C-alpha atoms as a PDB file:
ATOM      1  CA  MET A   1     194.647  27.312 -61.524  1.00  0.00           C
ATOM      2  CA  ASP A   2     192.809  29.709 -63.786  1.00  0.00           C
ATOM      3  CA  LEU A   3     190.526  28.956 -66.700  1.00  0.00           C
ATOM      4  CA  VAL A   4     193.286  29.410 -69.301  1.00  0.00           C
ATOM      5  CA  HIS A   5     195.401  26.729 -67.625  1.00  0.00           C
ATOM      6  CA  ILE A   6     192.412  24.419 -67.455  1.00  0.00           C
ATOM      7  CA  VAL A   7     191.644  24.876 -71.143  1.00  0.00           C
ATOM      8  CA  ASN A   8     195.307  24.287 -72.022  1.00  0.00           C
ATOM      9  CA  LEU A   9     195.285  21.147 -69.887  1.00  0.00           C
ATOM     10  CA  LYS A  10     192.132  19.983 -71.628  1.00  0.00           C
ATOM     11  CA  VAL A  11     193.675  20.522 -75.085  1.00  0.00           C
ATOM     12  CA  THR A  12     196.848  18.717 -74.034  1.00  0.00           C
ATOM     13  CA  LEU A  13     194.872  15.772 -72.695  1.00  0.00           C
ATOM     14  CA  HIS A  14     192.757  15.632 -75.849  1.00  0.00           C
ATOM     15  CA  LYS A  15     195.942  15.515 -77.937  1.00  0.00           C
ATOM     16  CA  ARG A  16     197.469  12.799 -75.746  1.00  0.00           C
ATOM     17  CA  VAL A  17     194.336  10.703 -75.940  1.00  0.00           C
ATOM     18  CA  ALA A  18     194.290  11.100 -79.722  1.00  0.00           C
ATOM     19  CA  LEU A  19     197.990  10.198 -79.950  1.00  0.00           C
ATOM     20  CA  LYS A  20     197.562   7.140 -77.768  1.00  0.00           C
ATOM     21  CA  GLY A  21     194.749   5.962 -79.997  1.00  0.00           C
ATOM     22  CA  ALA A  22     196.842   6.577 -83.115  1.00  0.00           C
ATOM     23  CA  GLU A  23     199.979   4.969 -81.602  1.00  0.00           C
ATOM     24  CA  SER A  24     198.191   1.835 -80.618  1.00  0.00           C
ATOM     25  CA  ASN A  25     196.653   1.735 -84.114  1.00  0.00           C
ATOM     26  CA  MET A  26     193.585   0.198 -82.571  1.00  0.00           C
ATOM     27  CA  GLY A  27     190.601   1.892 -84.143  1.00  0.00           C
ATOM     28  CA  THR A  28     188.184  -0.413 -82.433  1.00  0.00           C
ATOM     29  CA  LYS A  29     184.782   0.757 -81.385  1.00  0.00           C
ATOM     30  CA  LYS A  30     185.702   0.120 -77.763  1.00  0.00           C
ATOM     31  CA  ASN A  31     188.726   2.429 -77.955  1.00  0.00           C
ATOM     32  CA  LYS A  32     186.677   5.129 -79.650  1.00  0.00           C
ATOM     33  CA  GLU A  33     184.030   4.868 -76.956  1.00  0.00           C
ATOM     34  CA  ALA A  34     186.687   5.101 -74.248  1.00  0.00           C
ATOM     35  CA  ILE A  35     188.246   8.140 -75.918  1.00  0.00           C
ATOM     36  CA  ASP A  36     184.844   9.778 -76.320  1.00  0.00           C
ATOM     37  CA  GLU A  37     184.090   9.114 -72.660  1.00  0.00           C
ATOM     38  CA  ILE A  38     187.401  10.698 -71.633  1.00  0.00           C
ATOM     39  CA  LYS A  39     186.671  13.722 -73.810  1.00  0.00           C
ATOM     40  CA  LYS A  40     183.216  14.073 -72.254  1.00  0.00           C
ATOM     41  CA  SER A  41     184.755  13.842 -68.791  1.00  0.00           C
ATOM     42  CA  LEU A  42     187.317  16.514 -69.674  1.00  0.00           C
ATOM     43  CA  ASP A  43     184.582  18.780 -71.019  1.00  0.00           C
ATOM     44  CA  PHE A  44     182.560  18.281 -67.856  1.00  0.00           C
ATOM     45  CA  LEU A  45     185.566  18.969 -65.632  1.00  0.00           C
ATOM     46  CA  THR A  46     186.377  22.109 -67.591  1.00  0.00           C
ATOM     47  CA  GLU A  47     182.837  23.388 -67.130  1.00  0.00           C
ATOM     48  CA  GLU A  48     182.893  22.542 -63.428  1.00  0.00           C
ATOM     49  CA  MET A  49     186.255  24.262 -62.948  1.00  0.00           C
ATOM     50  CA  SER A  50     184.904  27.325 -64.733  1.00  0.00           C
ATOM     51  CA  VAL A  51     181.962  27.444 -62.315  1.00  0.00           C
ATOM     52  CA  VAL A  52     184.260  26.971 -59.317  1.00  0.00           C
ATOM     53  CA  ILE A  53     186.591  29.731 -60.511  1.00  0.00           C
ATOM     54  CA  LYS A  54     183.664  32.129 -60.923  1.00  0.00           C
ATOM     55  CA  GLN A  55     182.378  31.249 -57.452  1.00  0.00           C
ATOM     56  CA  GLN A  56     185.843  31.627 -55.991  1.00  0.00           C
ATOM     57  CA  LYS A  57     186.171  35.075 -57.580  1.00  0.00           C
ATOM     58  CA  MET A  58     182.788  36.092 -56.166  1.00  0.00           C
ATOM     59  CA  ILE A  59     183.781  34.854 -52.697  1.00  0.00           C
ATOM     60  CA  MET A  60     187.026  36.836 -52.844  1.00  0.00           C
ATOM     61  CA  GLU A  61     185.097  39.966 -53.838  1.00  0.00           C
ATOM     62  CA  LEU A  62     182.695  39.437 -50.938  1.00  0.00           C
ATOM     63  CA  VAL A  63     185.595  38.925 -48.510  1.00  0.00           C
ATOM     64  CA  ALA A  64     187.122  42.209 -49.696  1.00  0.00           C
ATOM     65  CA  GLU A  65     183.763  43.942 -49.252  1.00  0.00           C
ATOM     66  CA  VAL A  66     183.395  42.555 -45.720  1.00  0.00           C
ATOM     67  CA  LYS A  67     186.875  43.852 -44.852  1.00  0.00           C
ATOM     68  CA  THR A  68     185.940  47.295 -46.172  1.00  0.00           C
ATOM     69  CA  LEU A  69     182.685  47.281 -44.224  1.00  0.00           C
ATOM     70  CA  ARG A  70     184.494  46.267 -41.027  1.00  0.00           C
ATOM     71  CA  ILE A  71     186.904  49.176 -41.437  1.00  0.00           C
ATOM     72  CA  GLN A  72     184.016  51.576 -42.073  1.00  0.00           C
ATOM     73  CA  ASN A  73     182.174  50.194 -39.055  1.00  0.00           C
ATOM     74  CA  ALA A  74     185.217  50.694 -36.815  1.00  0.00           C
ATOM     75  CA  GLU A  75     185.589  54.275 -38.091  1.00  0.00           C
ATOM     76  CA  LYS A  76     181.918  54.972 -37.394  1.00  0.00           C
ATOM     77  CA  ASP A  77     182.282  53.491 -33.896  1.00  0.00           C
ATOM     78  CA  LYS A  78     185.178  55.879 -33.235  1.00  0.00           C
ATOM     79  CA  ARG A  79     183.159  58.808 -34.588  1.00  0.00           C
ATOM     80  CA  LEU A  80     180.182  57.808 -32.434  1.00  0.00           C
ATOM     81  CA  ASP A  81     182.395  57.603 -29.328  1.00  0.00           C
ATOM     82  CA  PHE A  82     183.768  61.059 -30.106  1.00  0.00           C
ATOM     83  CA  LEU A  83     180.302  62.535 -30.609  1.00  0.00           C
ATOM     84  CA  GLU A  84     178.998  60.935 -27.405  1.00  0.00           C
ATOM     85  CA  SER A  85     181.893  62.432 -25.451  1.00  0.00           C
ATOM     86  CA  ARG A  86     181.133  65.843 -26.992  1.00  0.00           C
ATOM     87  CA  VAL A  87     177.457  65.547 -25.999  1.00  0.00           C
ATOM     88  CA  GLN A  88     178.484  64.685 -22.442  1.00  0.00           C
ATOM     89  CA  ALA A  89     180.822  67.674 -22.355  1.00  0.00           C
ATOM     90  CA  LEU A  90     178.053  69.971 -23.602  1.00  0.00           C
ATOM     91  CA  GLU A  91     175.613  68.556 -21.056  1.00  0.00           C
ATOM     92  CA  GLN A  92     178.095  69.187 -18.262  1.00  0.00           C
ATOM     93  CA  TYR A  93     178.768  72.696 -19.564  1.00  0.00           C
ATOM     94  CA  SER A  94     175.073  73.519 -19.762  1.00  0.00           C
ATOM     95  CA  SER A  95     174.381  72.133 -16.276  1.00  0.00           C
ATOM     96  CA  ILE A  96     177.232  74.236 -14.860  1.00  0.00           C
ATOM     97  CA  ASN A  97     175.887  77.344 -16.602  1.00  0.00           C
ATOM     98  CA  CYS A  98     172.318  76.670 -15.495  1.00  0.00           C
ATOM     99  CA  SER A  99     173.271  76.105 -11.852  1.00  0.00           C
ATOM    100  CA  GLY A 100     175.528  79.204 -11.878  1.00  0.00           C
ATOM    101  CA  HIS A 101     172.669  81.659 -12.568  1.00  0.00           C
END
């Protein structure tokens, strides 16, 4: 659920709460306090969901970066193996040439 859906949900809930209050035609202080409390809770939840969505996005970016780094690391390991084998081949070649003189 993205932030747009959360905001839409919040607006819908605000409207429903307002309609329920109007339908019941009970403008008592207690009802108003309950409605205000629900609105505050919705605002808080919206803010919390926004924070969670941002954190989730950051985590996904970090996961993608880790995957990229793992691929790069594997490529470097292959390159290192290749270079080590080349060094060994050169060492063998030079020892054969040195012993042949």
